[in-house]
Amino acid sequence: MEWTKKVSFDASHLSFKSDYEPSYQRCLLKAVSRVQNLLTQDETIVDDARIHAAKSLLYAAIEQMGTQMEKIGTIQRLLRELLLITNSQYESPGRDRELGLQILADIRSKTDFFG
């Protein structure tokens, strides 16, 4: 995923700093704006090129949102696994530690905001 600005996560202070706009958001905003302009213009000015451009942006936004939802679903599943491992630390400390560290690495690899 492409980001317009970098996001950093500082684990030593457990602070999350965010000042980003993912590319799917930019595409979504552009598509909505283009369709709004199209629908609010005088009907005599609307041409095929503007309609085609709006449709193209809508298709792109739909695809990007689908990809983003799949990615979020994967991360959510990994976080649930991590929660189970974290809960098991009460009963048997150290158990599944390597698996938990691998899941953390997977989450970091699937998200750009951990720096």
PDB file of N, CA and C in Angstrom:
ATOM      1  N   MET A   1       0.840  -1.179   0.000  1.00  0.00           N
ATOM      2  CA  MET A   1       0.000   0.000   0.000  1.00  0.00           C
ATOM      3  C   MET A   1       0.877   1.230   0.000  1.00  0.00           C
ATOM      4  N   GLU A   2       0.442   2.208  -0.722  1.00  0.00           N
ATOM      5  CA  GLU A   2       1.175   3.459  -0.844  1.00  0.00           C
ATOM      6  C   GLU A   2       0.605   4.461   0.161  1.00  0.00           C
ATOM      7  N   TRP A   3       1.475   5.175   0.870  1.00  0.00           N
ATOM      8  CA  TRP A   3       1.056   6.186   1.843  1.00  0.00           C
ATOM      9  C   TRP A   3       1.613   7.529   1.398  1.00  0.00           C
ATOM     10  N   THR A   4       0.903   8.591   1.716  1.00  0.00           N
ATOM     11  CA  THR A   4       1.400   9.915   1.338  1.00  0.00           C
ATOM     12  C   THR A   4       2.419  10.428   2.350  1.00  0.00           C
ATOM     13  N   LYS A   5       2.299  10.028   3.593  1.00  0.00           N
ATOM     14  CA  LYS A   5       3.251  10.424   4.619  1.00  0.00           C
ATOM     15  C   LYS A   5       3.577   9.198   5.453  1.00  0.00           C
ATOM     16  N   LYS A   6       4.756   9.178   6.051  1.00  0.00           N
ATOM     17  CA  LYS A   6       5.166   8.062   6.878  1.00  0.00           C
ATOM     18  C   LYS A   6       4.493   8.142   8.243  1.00  0.00           C
ATOM     19  N   VAL A   7       4.192   6.999   8.805  1.00  0.00           N
ATOM     20  CA  VAL A   7       3.614   6.890  10.133  1.00  0.00           C
ATOM     21  C   VAL A   7       4.621   6.148  10.983  1.00  0.00           C
ATOM     22  N   SER A   8       4.799   6.555  12.219  1.00  0.00           N
ATOM     23  CA  SER A   8       5.789   5.873  13.045  1.00  0.00           C
ATOM     24  C   SER A   8       5.155   5.314  14.307  1.00  0.00           C
ATOM     25  N   PHE A   9       5.665   4.184  14.733  1.00  0.00           N
ATOM     26  CA  PHE A   9       5.233   3.552  15.970  1.00  0.00           C
ATOM     27  C   PHE A   9       6.464   3.388  16.833  1.00  0.00           C
ATOM     28  N   ASP A  10       6.472   4.017  17.988  1.00  0.00           N
ATOM     29  CA  ASP A  10       7.608   3.953  18.892  1.00  0.00           C
ATOM     30  C   ASP A  10       7.252   3.004  20.024  1.00  0.00           C
ATOM     31  N   ALA A  11       7.734   1.775  19.949  1.00  0.00           N
ATOM     32  CA  ALA A  11       7.373   0.747  20.924  1.00  0.00           C
ATOM     33  C   ALA A  11       7.939   1.036  22.312  1.00  0.00           C
ATOM     34  N   SER A  12       9.070   1.724  22.398  1.00  0.00           N
ATOM     35  CA  SER A  12       9.659   1.975  23.711  1.00  0.00           C
ATOM     36  C   SER A  12       8.791   2.879  24.573  1.00  0.00           C
ATOM     37  N   HIS A  13       8.036   3.770  23.954  1.00  0.00           N
ATOM     38  CA  HIS A  13       7.138   4.651  24.699  1.00  0.00           C
ATOM     39  C   HIS A  13       5.677   4.279  24.486  1.00  0.00           C
ATOM     40  N   LEU A  14       5.450   3.261  23.659  1.00  0.00           N
ATOM     41  CA  LEU A  14       4.102   2.810  23.310  1.00  0.00           C
ATOM     42  C   LEU A  14       3.225   3.960  22.837  1.00  0.00           C
ATOM     43  N   SER A  15       3.777   4.786  21.979  1.00  0.00           N
ATOM     44  CA  SER A  15       2.984   5.879  21.422  1.00  0.00           C
ATOM     45  C   SER A  15       2.815   5.654  19.928  1.00  0.00           C
ATOM     46  N   PHE A  16       1.647   5.961  19.461  1.00  0.00           N
ATOM     47  CA  PHE A  16       1.338   5.793  18.047  1.00  0.00           C
ATOM     48  C   PHE A  16       1.134   7.164  17.451  1.00  0.00           C
ATOM     49  N   LYS A  17       1.962   7.505  16.485  1.00  0.00           N
ATOM     50  CA  LYS A  17       1.864   8.807  15.836  1.00  0.00           C
ATOM     51  C   LYS A  17       1.409   8.594  14.407  1.00  0.00           C
ATOM     52  N   SER A  18       0.373   9.282  14.016  1.00  0.00           N
ATOM     53  CA  SER A  18      -0.172   9.065  12.684  1.00  0.00           C
ATOM     54  C   SER A  18      -0.490  10.377  11.995  1.00  0.00           C
ATOM     55  N   ASP A  19       0.034  10.525  10.801  1.00  0.00           N
ATOM     56  CA  ASP A  19      -0.296  11.675   9.974  1.00  0.00           C
ATOM     57  C   ASP A  19      -0.212  11.207   8.523  1.00  0.00           C
ATOM     58  N   TYR A  20      -1.121  10.325   8.151  1.00  0.00           N
ATOM     59  CA  TYR A  20      -1.049   9.726   6.829  1.00  0.00           C
ATOM     60  C   TYR A  20      -2.406   9.723   6.150  1.00  0.00           C
ATOM     61  N   GLU A  21      -2.371   9.559   4.867  1.00  0.00           N
ATOM     62  CA  GLU A  21      -3.588   9.379   4.090  1.00  0.00           C
ATOM     63  C   GLU A  21      -3.296   8.255   3.103  1.00  0.00           C
ATOM     64  N   PRO A  22      -3.811   7.060   3.370  1.00  0.00           N
ATOM     65  CA  PRO A  22      -3.556   5.935   2.471  1.00  0.00           C
ATOM     66  C   PRO A  22      -4.083   6.219   1.064  1.00  0.00           C
ATOM     67  N   SER A  23      -3.475   5.575   0.085  1.00  0.00           N
ATOM     68  CA  SER A  23      -3.856   5.813  -1.310  1.00  0.00           C
ATOM     69  C   SER A  23      -5.313   5.438  -1.561  1.00  0.00           C
ATOM     70  N   TYR A  24      -5.841   4.423  -0.864  1.00  0.00           N
ATOM     71  CA  TYR A  24      -7.246   4.069  -1.083  1.00  0.00           C
ATOM     72  C   TYR A  24      -8.175   5.194  -0.630  1.00  0.00           C
ATOM     73  N   GLN A  25      -7.789   5.940   0.396  1.00  0.00           N
ATOM     74  CA  GLN A  25      -8.619   7.072   0.833  1.00  0.00           C
ATOM     75  C   GLN A  25      -8.585   8.189  -0.195  1.00  0.00           C
ATOM     76  N   ARG A  26      -7.402   8.469  -0.734  1.00  0.00           N
ATOM     77  CA  ARG A  26      -7.303   9.502  -1.758  1.00  0.00           C
ATOM     78  C   ARG A  26      -8.165   9.137  -2.957  1.00  0.00           C
ATOM     79  N   CYS A  27      -8.103   7.865  -3.361  1.00  0.00           N
ATOM     80  CA  CYS A  27      -8.879   7.404  -4.513  1.00  0.00           C
ATOM     81  C   CYS A  27     -10.380   7.509  -4.219  1.00  0.00           C
ATOM     82  N   LEU A  28     -10.775   7.115  -3.025  1.00  0.00           N
ATOM     83  CA  LEU A  28     -12.182   7.184  -2.642  1.00  0.00           C
ATOM     84  C   LEU A  28     -12.682   8.624  -2.647  1.00  0.00           C
ATOM     85  N   LEU A  29     -11.912   9.522  -2.050  1.00  0.00           N
ATOM     86  CA  LEU A  29     -12.310  10.933  -2.014  1.00  0.00           C
ATOM     87  C   LEU A  29     -12.393  11.518  -3.416  1.00  0.00           C
ATOM     88  N   LYS A  30     -11.439  11.155  -4.262  1.00  0.00           N
ATOM     89  CA  LYS A  30     -11.437  11.652  -5.637  1.00  0.00           C
ATOM     90  C   LYS A  30     -12.654  11.130  -6.400  1.00  0.00           C
ATOM     91  N   ALA A  31     -12.980   9.842  -6.212  1.00  0.00           N
ATOM     92  CA  ALA A  31     -14.133   9.253  -6.905  1.00  0.00           C
ATOM     93  C   ALA A  31     -15.428   9.913  -6.459  1.00  0.00           C
ATOM     94  N   VAL A  32     -15.593  10.093  -5.163  1.00  0.00           N
ATOM     95  CA  VAL A  32     -16.816  10.706  -4.639  1.00  0.00           C
ATOM     96  C   VAL A  32     -16.936  12.147  -5.137  1.00  0.00           C
ATOM     97  N   SER A  33     -15.834  12.867  -5.116  1.00  0.00           N
ATOM     98  CA  SER A  33     -15.844  14.252  -5.582  1.00  0.00           C
ATOM     99  C   SER A  33     -16.200  14.330  -7.072  1.00  0.00           C
ATOM    100  N   ARG A  34     -15.594  13.437  -7.862  1.00  0.00           N
ATOM    101  CA  ARG A  34     -15.851  13.441  -9.305  1.00  0.00           C
ATOM    102  C   ARG A  34     -17.313  13.116  -9.603  1.00  0.00           C
ATOM    103  N   VAL A  35     -17.878  12.144  -8.886  1.00  0.00           N
ATOM    104  CA  VAL A  35     -19.281  11.785  -9.119  1.00  0.00           C
ATOM    105  C   VAL A  35     -20.203  12.911  -8.661  1.00  0.00           C
ATOM    106  N   GLN A  36     -19.866  13.530  -7.531  1.00  0.00           N
ATOM    107  CA  GLN A  36     -20.674  14.658  -7.069  1.00  0.00           C
ATOM    108  C   GLN A  36     -20.670  15.777  -8.099  1.00  0.00           C
ATOM    109  N   ASN A  37     -19.504  16.091  -8.623  1.00  0.00           N
ATOM    110  CA  ASN A  37     -19.420  17.126  -9.668  1.00  0.00           C
ATOM    111  C   ASN A  37     -20.247  16.733 -10.887  1.00  0.00           C
ATOM    112  N   LEU A  38     -20.161  15.488 -11.270  1.00  0.00           N
ATOM    113  CA  LEU A  38     -20.900  14.994 -12.429  1.00  0.00           C
ATOM    114  C   LEU A  38     -22.409  15.117 -12.214  1.00  0.00           C
ATOM    115  N   LEU A  39     -22.872  14.742 -11.022  1.00  0.00           N
ATOM    116  CA  LEU A  39     -24.303  14.731 -10.748  1.00  0.00           C
ATOM    117  C   LEU A  39     -24.884  16.112 -10.471  1.00  0.00           C
ATOM    118  N   THR A  40     -24.016  17.054 -10.130  1.00  0.00           N
ATOM    119  CA  THR A  40     -24.523  18.401  -9.831  1.00  0.00           C
ATOM    120  C   THR A  40     -24.318  19.379 -10.978  1.00  0.00           C
ATOM    121  N   GLN A  41     -23.674  18.940 -12.057  1.00  0.00           N
ATOM    122  CA  GLN A  41     -23.474  19.814 -13.217  1.00  0.00           C
ATOM    123  C   GLN A  41     -24.736  19.894 -14.049  1.00  0.00           C
ATOM    124  N   ASP A  42     -24.785  20.927 -14.827  1.00  0.00           N
ATOM    125  CA  ASP A  42     -25.857  21.074 -15.801  1.00  0.00           C
ATOM    126  C   ASP A  42     -25.767  19.892 -16.769  1.00  0.00           C
ATOM    127  N   GLU A  43     -26.867  19.241 -17.013  1.00  0.00           N
ATOM    128  CA  GLU A  43     -26.894  18.051 -17.869  1.00  0.00           C
ATOM    129  C   GLU A  43     -26.378  18.311 -19.272  1.00  0.00           C
ATOM    130  N   THR A  44     -26.472  19.523 -19.734  1.00  0.00           N
ATOM    131  CA  THR A  44     -26.019  19.822 -21.097  1.00  0.00           C
ATOM    132  C   THR A  44     -24.491  19.868 -21.198  1.00  0.00           C
ATOM    133  N   ILE A  45     -23.783  20.015 -20.050  1.00  0.00           N
ATOM    134  CA  ILE A  45     -22.320  20.093 -20.069  1.00  0.00           C
ATOM    135  C   ILE A  45     -21.682  18.702 -19.938  1.00  0.00           C
ATOM    136  N   VAL A  46     -22.396  17.761 -19.351  1.00  0.00           N
ATOM    137  CA  VAL A  46     -21.840  16.433 -19.104  1.00  0.00           C
ATOM    138  C   VAL A  46     -21.543  15.739 -20.422  1.00  0.00           C
ATOM    139  N   ASP A  47     -20.309  15.228 -20.522  1.00  0.00           N
ATOM    140  CA  ASP A  47     -19.938  14.513 -21.738  1.00  0.00           C
ATOM    141  C   ASP A  47     -19.466  13.097 -21.388  1.00  0.00           C
ATOM    142  N   ASP A  48     -19.280  12.304 -22.411  1.00  0.00           N
ATOM    143  CA  ASP A  48     -18.890  10.907 -22.210  1.00  0.00           C
ATOM    144  C   ASP A  48     -17.549  10.768 -21.498  1.00  0.00           C
ATOM    145  N   ALA A  49     -16.631  11.659 -21.758  1.00  0.00           N
ATOM    146  CA  ALA A  49     -15.308  11.591 -21.138  1.00  0.00           C
ATOM    147  C   ALA A  49     -15.403  11.782 -19.619  1.00  0.00           C
ATOM    148  N   ARG A  50     -16.230  12.707 -19.183  1.00  0.00           N
ATOM    149  CA  ARG A  50     -16.399  12.926 -17.735  1.00  0.00           C
ATOM    150  C   ARG A  50     -17.086  11.734 -17.068  1.00  0.00           C
ATOM    151  N   ILE A  51     -18.066  11.186 -17.748  1.00  0.00           N
ATOM    152  CA  ILE A  51     -18.748  10.001 -17.216  1.00  0.00           C
ATOM    153  C   ILE A  51     -17.760   8.842 -17.123  1.00  0.00           C
ATOM    154  N   HIS A  52     -16.979   8.635 -18.156  1.00  0.00           N
ATOM    155  CA  HIS A  52     -15.988   7.558 -18.165  1.00  0.00           C
ATOM    156  C   HIS A  52     -14.962   7.750 -17.050  1.00  0.00           C
ATOM    157  N   ALA A  53     -14.492   8.986 -16.851  1.00  0.00           N
ATOM    158  CA  ALA A  53     -13.513   9.273 -15.800  1.00  0.00           C
ATOM    159  C   ALA A  53     -14.095   8.977 -14.418  1.00  0.00           C
ATOM    160  N   ALA A  54     -15.340   9.347 -14.195  1.00  0.00           N
ATOM    161  CA  ALA A  54     -15.987   9.084 -12.909  1.00  0.00           C
ATOM    162  C   ALA A  54     -16.133   7.581 -12.683  1.00  0.00           C
ATOM    163  N   LYS A  55     -16.556   6.861 -13.721  1.00  0.00           N
ATOM    164  CA  LYS A  55     -16.702   5.407 -13.609  1.00  0.00           C
ATOM    165  C   LYS A  55     -15.358   4.740 -13.315  1.00  0.00           C
ATOM    166  N   SER A  56     -14.320   5.194 -13.984  1.00  0.00           N
ATOM    167  CA  SER A  56     -12.989   4.620 -13.765  1.00  0.00           C
ATOM    168  C   SER A  56     -12.531   4.814 -12.333  1.00  0.00           C
ATOM    169  N   LEU A  57     -12.752   6.008 -11.791  1.00  0.00           N
ATOM    170  CA  LEU A  57     -12.392   6.270 -10.396  1.00  0.00           C
ATOM    171  C   LEU A  57     -13.217   5.420  -9.439  1.00  0.00           C
ATOM    172  N   LEU A  58     -14.487   5.243  -9.745  1.00  0.00           N
ATOM    173  CA  LEU A  58     -15.324   4.396  -8.894  1.00  0.00           C
ATOM    174  C   LEU A  58     -14.848   2.948  -8.913  1.00  0.00           C
ATOM    175  N   TYR A  59     -14.535   2.422 -10.088  1.00  0.00           N
ATOM    176  CA  TYR A  59     -14.005   1.057 -10.175  1.00  0.00           C
ATOM    177  C   TYR A  59     -12.713   0.919  -9.376  1.00  0.00           C
ATOM    178  N   ALA A  60     -11.824   1.892  -9.515  1.00  0.00           N
ATOM    179  CA  ALA A  60     -10.554   1.852  -8.782  1.00  0.00           C
ATOM    180  C   ALA A  60     -10.787   1.901  -7.269  1.00  0.00           C
ATOM    181  N   ALA A  61     -11.698   2.765  -6.832  1.00  0.00           N
ATOM    182  CA  ALA A  61     -11.990   2.876  -5.396  1.00  0.00           C
ATOM    183  C   ALA A  61     -12.587   1.582  -4.860  1.00  0.00           C
ATOM    184  N   ILE A  62     -13.471   0.964  -5.625  1.00  0.00           N
ATOM    185  CA  ILE A  62     -14.077  -0.310  -5.210  1.00  0.00           C
ATOM    186  C   ILE A  62     -13.003  -1.380  -5.061  1.00  0.00           C
ATOM    187  N   GLU A  63     -12.114  -1.474  -6.027  1.00  0.00           N
ATOM    188  CA  GLU A  63     -11.038  -2.475  -5.970  1.00  0.00           C
ATOM    189  C   GLU A  63     -10.092  -2.218  -4.798  1.00  0.00           C
ATOM    190  N   GLN A  64      -9.706  -0.970  -4.622  1.00  0.00           N
ATOM    191  CA  GLN A  64      -8.788  -0.647  -3.532  1.00  0.00           C
ATOM    192  C   GLN A  64      -9.417  -0.895  -2.165  1.00  0.00           C
ATOM    193  N   MET A  65     -10.695  -0.587  -2.022  1.00  0.00           N
ATOM    194  CA  MET A  65     -11.376  -0.858  -0.754  1.00  0.00           C
ATOM    195  C   MET A  65     -11.454  -2.355  -0.501  1.00  0.00           C
ATOM    196  N   GLY A  66     -11.711  -3.140  -1.540  1.00  0.00           N
ATOM    197  CA  GLY A  66     -11.739  -4.597  -1.388  1.00  0.00           C
ATOM    198  C   GLY A  66     -10.402  -5.134  -0.934  1.00  0.00           C
ATOM    199  N   THR A  67      -9.344  -4.657  -1.542  1.00  0.00           N
ATOM    200  CA  THR A  67      -7.998  -5.078  -1.152  1.00  0.00           C
ATOM    201  C   THR A  67      -7.709  -4.681   0.287  1.00  0.00           C
ATOM    202  N   GLN A  68      -8.098  -3.473   0.638  1.00  0.00           N
ATOM    203  CA  GLN A  68      -7.873  -2.994   2.008  1.00  0.00           C
ATOM    204  C   GLN A  68      -8.654  -3.836   3.015  1.00  0.00           C
ATOM    205  N   MET A  69      -9.883  -4.187   2.685  1.00  0.00           N
ATOM    206  CA  MET A  69     -10.701  -5.001   3.594  1.00  0.00           C
ATOM    207  C   MET A  69     -10.084  -6.379   3.794  1.00  0.00           C
ATOM    208  N   GLU A  70      -9.556  -6.977   2.724  1.00  0.00           N
ATOM    209  CA  GLU A  70      -8.893  -8.271   2.845  1.00  0.00           C
ATOM    210  C   GLU A  70      -7.676  -8.167   3.756  1.00  0.00           C
ATOM    211  N   LYS A  71      -6.908  -7.114   3.578  1.00  0.00           N
ATOM    212  CA  LYS A  71      -5.717  -6.902   4.393  1.00  0.00           C
ATOM    213  C   LYS A  71      -6.094  -6.712   5.863  1.00  0.00           C
ATOM    214  N   ILE A  72      -7.122  -5.924   6.112  1.00  0.00           N
ATOM    215  CA  ILE A  72      -7.567  -5.689   7.486  1.00  0.00           C
ATOM    216  C   ILE A  72      -8.081  -6.988   8.103  1.00  0.00           C
ATOM    217  N   GLY A  73      -8.791  -7.792   7.316  1.00  0.00           N
ATOM    218  CA  GLY A  73      -9.275  -9.083   7.811  1.00  0.00           C
ATOM    219  C   GLY A  73      -8.135  -9.990   8.218  1.00  0.00           C
ATOM    220  N   THR A  74      -7.077 -10.011   7.433  1.00  0.00           N
ATOM    221  CA  THR A  74      -5.901 -10.824   7.758  1.00  0.00           C
ATOM    222  C   THR A  74      -5.250 -10.327   9.036  1.00  0.00           C
ATOM    223  N   ILE A  75      -5.095  -9.033   9.155  1.00  0.00           N
ATOM    224  CA  ILE A  75      -4.479  -8.461  10.354  1.00  0.00           C
ATOM    225  C   ILE A  75      -5.349  -8.730  11.573  1.00  0.00           C
ATOM    226  N   GLN A  76      -6.669  -8.636  11.417  1.00  0.00           N
ATOM    227  CA  GLN A  76      -7.572  -8.914  12.530  1.00  0.00           C
ATOM    228  C   GLN A  76      -7.411 -10.358  13.003  1.00  0.00           C
ATOM    229  N   ARG A  77      -7.308 -11.295  12.057  1.00  0.00           N
ATOM    230  CA  ARG A  77      -7.117 -12.698  12.424  1.00  0.00           C
ATOM    231  C   ARG A  77      -5.813 -12.882  13.187  1.00  0.00           C
ATOM    232  N   LEU A  78      -4.743 -12.228  12.722  1.00  0.00           N
ATOM    233  CA  LEU A  78      -3.459 -12.318  13.406  1.00  0.00           C
ATOM    234  C   LEU A  78      -3.530 -11.723  14.811  1.00  0.00           C
ATOM    235  N   LEU A  79      -4.242 -10.622  14.954  1.00  0.00           N
ATOM    236  CA  LEU A  79      -4.394 -10.011  16.281  1.00  0.00           C
ATOM    237  C   LEU A  79      -5.160 -10.919  17.236  1.00  0.00           C
ATOM    238  N   ARG A  80      -6.165 -11.630  16.712  1.00  0.00           N
ATOM    239  CA  ARG A  80      -6.906 -12.577  17.559  1.00  0.00           C
ATOM    240  C   ARG A  80      -6.003 -13.721  18.017  1.00  0.00           C
ATOM    241  N   GLU A  81      -5.159 -14.222  17.112  1.00  0.00           N
ATOM    242  CA  GLU A  81      -4.207 -15.260  17.487  1.00  0.00           C
ATOM    243  C   GLU A  81      -3.253 -14.743  18.552  1.00  0.00           C
ATOM    244  N   LEU A  82      -2.805 -13.505  18.376  1.00  0.00           N
ATOM    245  CA  LEU A  82      -1.909 -12.890  19.345  1.00  0.00           C
ATOM    246  C   LEU A  82      -2.582 -12.734  20.705  1.00  0.00           C
ATOM    247  N   LEU A  83      -3.862 -12.417  20.715  1.00  0.00           N
ATOM    248  CA  LEU A  83      -4.612 -12.307  21.967  1.00  0.00           C
ATOM    249  C   LEU A  83      -4.653 -13.654  22.687  1.00  0.00           C
ATOM    250  N   LEU A  84      -4.896 -14.728  21.946  1.00  0.00           N
ATOM    251  CA  LEU A  84      -4.913 -16.060  22.551  1.00  0.00           C
ATOM    252  C   LEU A  84      -3.551 -16.405  23.152  1.00  0.00           C
ATOM    253  N   ILE A  85      -2.499 -16.088  22.431  1.00  0.00           N
ATOM    254  CA  ILE A  85      -1.149 -16.362  22.933  1.00  0.00           C
ATOM    255  C   ILE A  85      -0.869 -15.529  24.171  1.00  0.00           C
ATOM    256  N   THR A  86      -1.271 -14.266  24.152  1.00  0.00           N
ATOM    257  CA  THR A  86      -1.057 -13.389  25.298  1.00  0.00           C
ATOM    258  C   THR A  86      -1.815 -13.904  26.517  1.00  0.00           C
ATOM    259  N   ASN A  87      -3.061 -14.358  26.307  1.00  0.00           N
ATOM    260  CA  ASN A  87      -3.838 -14.920  27.416  1.00  0.00           C
ATOM    261  C   ASN A  87      -3.184 -16.167  27.983  1.00  0.00           C
ATOM    262  N   SER A  88      -2.542 -16.963  27.127  1.00  0.00           N
ATOM    263  CA  SER A  88      -1.911 -18.195  27.608  1.00  0.00           C
ATOM    264  C   SER A  88      -0.694 -17.911  28.473  1.00  0.00           C
ATOM    265  N   GLN A  89      -0.181 -16.691  28.439  1.00  0.00           N
ATOM    266  CA  GLN A  89       0.997 -16.354  29.238  1.00  0.00           C
ATOM    267  C   GLN A  89       0.692 -16.375  30.733  1.00  0.00           C
ATOM    268  N   TYR A  90      -0.585 -16.217  31.123  1.00  0.00           N
ATOM    269  CA  TYR A  90      -0.958 -16.322  32.532  1.00  0.00           C
ATOM    270  C   TYR A  90      -0.776 -17.746  33.026  1.00  0.00           C
ATOM    271  N   GLU A  91      -1.201 -18.700  32.218  1.00  0.00           N
ATOM    272  CA  GLU A  91      -1.191 -20.100  32.609  1.00  0.00           C
ATOM    273  C   GLU A  91       0.194 -20.732  32.502  1.00  0.00           C
ATOM    274  N   SER A  92       0.881 -20.447  31.425  1.00  0.00           N
ATOM    275  CA  SER A  92       2.216 -21.019  31.225  1.00  0.00           C
ATOM    276  C   SER A  92       3.105 -19.992  30.535  1.00  0.00           C
ATOM    277  N   PRO A  93       3.774 -19.171  31.353  1.00  0.00           N
ATOM    278  CA  PRO A  93       4.638 -18.122  30.797  1.00  0.00           C
ATOM    279  C   PRO A  93       5.674 -18.706  29.835  1.00  0.00           C
ATOM    280  N   GLY A  94       5.898 -18.015  28.732  1.00  0.00           N
ATOM    281  CA  GLY A  94       6.893 -18.439  27.753  1.00  0.00           C
ATOM    282  C   GLY A  94       6.344 -19.360  26.680  1.00  0.00           C
ATOM    283  N   ARG A  95       5.181 -19.954  26.936  1.00  0.00           N
ATOM    284  CA  ARG A  95       4.586 -20.864  25.966  1.00  0.00           C
ATOM    285  C   ARG A  95       4.155 -20.076  24.736  1.00  0.00           C
ATOM    286  N   ASP A  96       4.409 -20.596  23.592  1.00  0.00           N
ATOM    287  CA  ASP A  96       4.038 -19.991  22.311  1.00  0.00           C
ATOM    288  C   ASP A  96       4.707 -18.640  22.065  1.00  0.00           C
ATOM    289  N   ARG A  97       5.782 -18.380  22.782  1.00  0.00           N
ATOM    290  CA  ARG A  97       6.477 -17.106  22.619  1.00  0.00           C
ATOM    291  C   ARG A  97       6.979 -16.918  21.188  1.00  0.00           C
ATOM    292  N   GLU A  98       7.605 -17.948  20.632  1.00  0.00           N
ATOM    293  CA  GLU A  98       8.125 -17.851  19.265  1.00  0.00           C
ATOM    294  C   GLU A  98       7.001 -17.625  18.258  1.00  0.00           C
ATOM    295  N   LEU A  99       5.885 -18.314  18.453  1.00  0.00           N
ATOM    296  CA  LEU A  99       4.738 -18.130  17.571  1.00  0.00           C
ATOM    297  C   LEU A  99       4.224 -16.687  17.673  1.00  0.00           C
ATOM    298  N   GLY A 100       4.150 -16.167  18.878  1.00  0.00           N
ATOM    299  CA  GLY A 100       3.711 -14.788  19.078  1.00  0.00           C
ATOM    300  C   GLY A 100       4.634 -13.787  18.410  1.00  0.00           C
ATOM    301  N   LEU A 101       5.946 -14.032  18.522  1.00  0.00           N
ATOM    302  CA  LEU A 101       6.905 -13.142  17.869  1.00  0.00           C
ATOM    303  C   LEU A 101       6.782 -13.221  16.350  1.00  0.00           C
ATOM    304  N   GLN A 102       6.504 -14.418  15.822  1.00  0.00           N
ATOM    305  CA  GLN A 102       6.317 -14.557  14.378  1.00  0.00           C
ATOM    306  C   GLN A 102       5.057 -13.817  13.925  1.00  0.00           C
ATOM    307  N   ILE A 103       3.993 -13.909  14.715  1.00  0.00           N
ATOM    308  CA  ILE A 103       2.756 -13.201  14.380  1.00  0.00           C
ATOM    309  C   ILE A 103       2.994 -11.694  14.390  1.00  0.00           C
ATOM    310  N   LEU A 104       3.735 -11.208  15.387  1.00  0.00           N
ATOM    311  CA  LEU A 104       4.066  -9.776  15.421  1.00  0.00           C
ATOM    312  C   LEU A 104       4.840  -9.367  14.173  1.00  0.00           C
ATOM    313  N   ALA A 105       5.775 -10.200  13.753  1.00  0.00           N
ATOM    314  CA  ALA A 105       6.534  -9.899  12.534  1.00  0.00           C
ATOM    315  C   ALA A 105       5.612  -9.893  11.313  1.00  0.00           C
ATOM    316  N   ASP A 106       4.661 -10.831  11.281  1.00  0.00           N
ATOM    317  CA  ASP A 106       3.701 -10.865  10.172  1.00  0.00           C
ATOM    318  C   ASP A 106       2.854  -9.600  10.135  1.00  0.00           C
ATOM    319  N   ILE A 107       2.392  -9.160  11.298  1.00  0.00           N
ATOM    320  CA  ILE A 107       1.576  -7.938  11.372  1.00  0.00           C
ATOM    321  C   ILE A 107       2.400  -6.746  10.893  1.00  0.00           C
ATOM    322  N   ARG A 108       3.632  -6.670  11.352  1.00  0.00           N
ATOM    323  CA  ARG A 108       4.487  -5.557  10.929  1.00  0.00           C
ATOM    324  C   ARG A 108       4.730  -5.576   9.422  1.00  0.00           C
ATOM    325  N   SER A 109       4.871  -6.767   8.860  1.00  0.00           N
ATOM    326  CA  SER A 109       5.132  -6.849   7.420  1.00  0.00           C
ATOM    327  C   SER A 109       3.897  -6.480   6.592  1.00  0.00           C
ATOM    328  N   LYS A 110       2.712  -6.624   7.167  1.00  0.00           N
ATOM    329  CA  LYS A 110       1.477  -6.342   6.441  1.00  0.00           C
ATOM    330  C   LYS A 110       0.994  -4.910   6.649  1.00  0.00           C
ATOM    331  N   THR A 111       1.637  -4.180   7.531  1.00  0.00           N
ATOM    332  CA  THR A 111       1.254  -2.792   7.783  1.00  0.00           C
ATOM    333  C   THR A 111       2.476  -1.908   7.625  1.00  0.00           C
ATOM    334  N   ASP A 112       2.277  -0.740   7.084  1.00  0.00           N
ATOM    335  CA  ASP A 112       3.388   0.170   6.842  1.00  0.00           C
ATOM    336  C   ASP A 112       3.626   1.144   7.982  1.00  0.00           C
ATOM    337  N   PHE A 113       2.738   1.204   8.947  1.00  0.00           N
ATOM    338  CA  PHE A 113       2.869   2.256   9.935  1.00  0.00           C
ATOM    339  C   PHE A 113       3.678   1.881  11.166  1.00  0.00           C
ATOM    340  N   PHE A 114       4.331   0.715  11.180  1.00  0.00           N
ATOM    341  CA  PHE A 114       5.189   0.380  12.298  1.00  0.00           C
ATOM    342  C   PHE A 114       6.632   0.797  12.056  1.00  0.00           C
ATOM    343  N   GLY A 115       6.886   1.364  10.902  1.00  0.00           N
ATOM    344  CA  GLY A 115       8.207   1.901  10.566  1.00  0.00           C
ATOM    345  C   GLY A 115       9.242   0.882  10.488  1.00  0.00           C
TER     346      GLY A 115
END
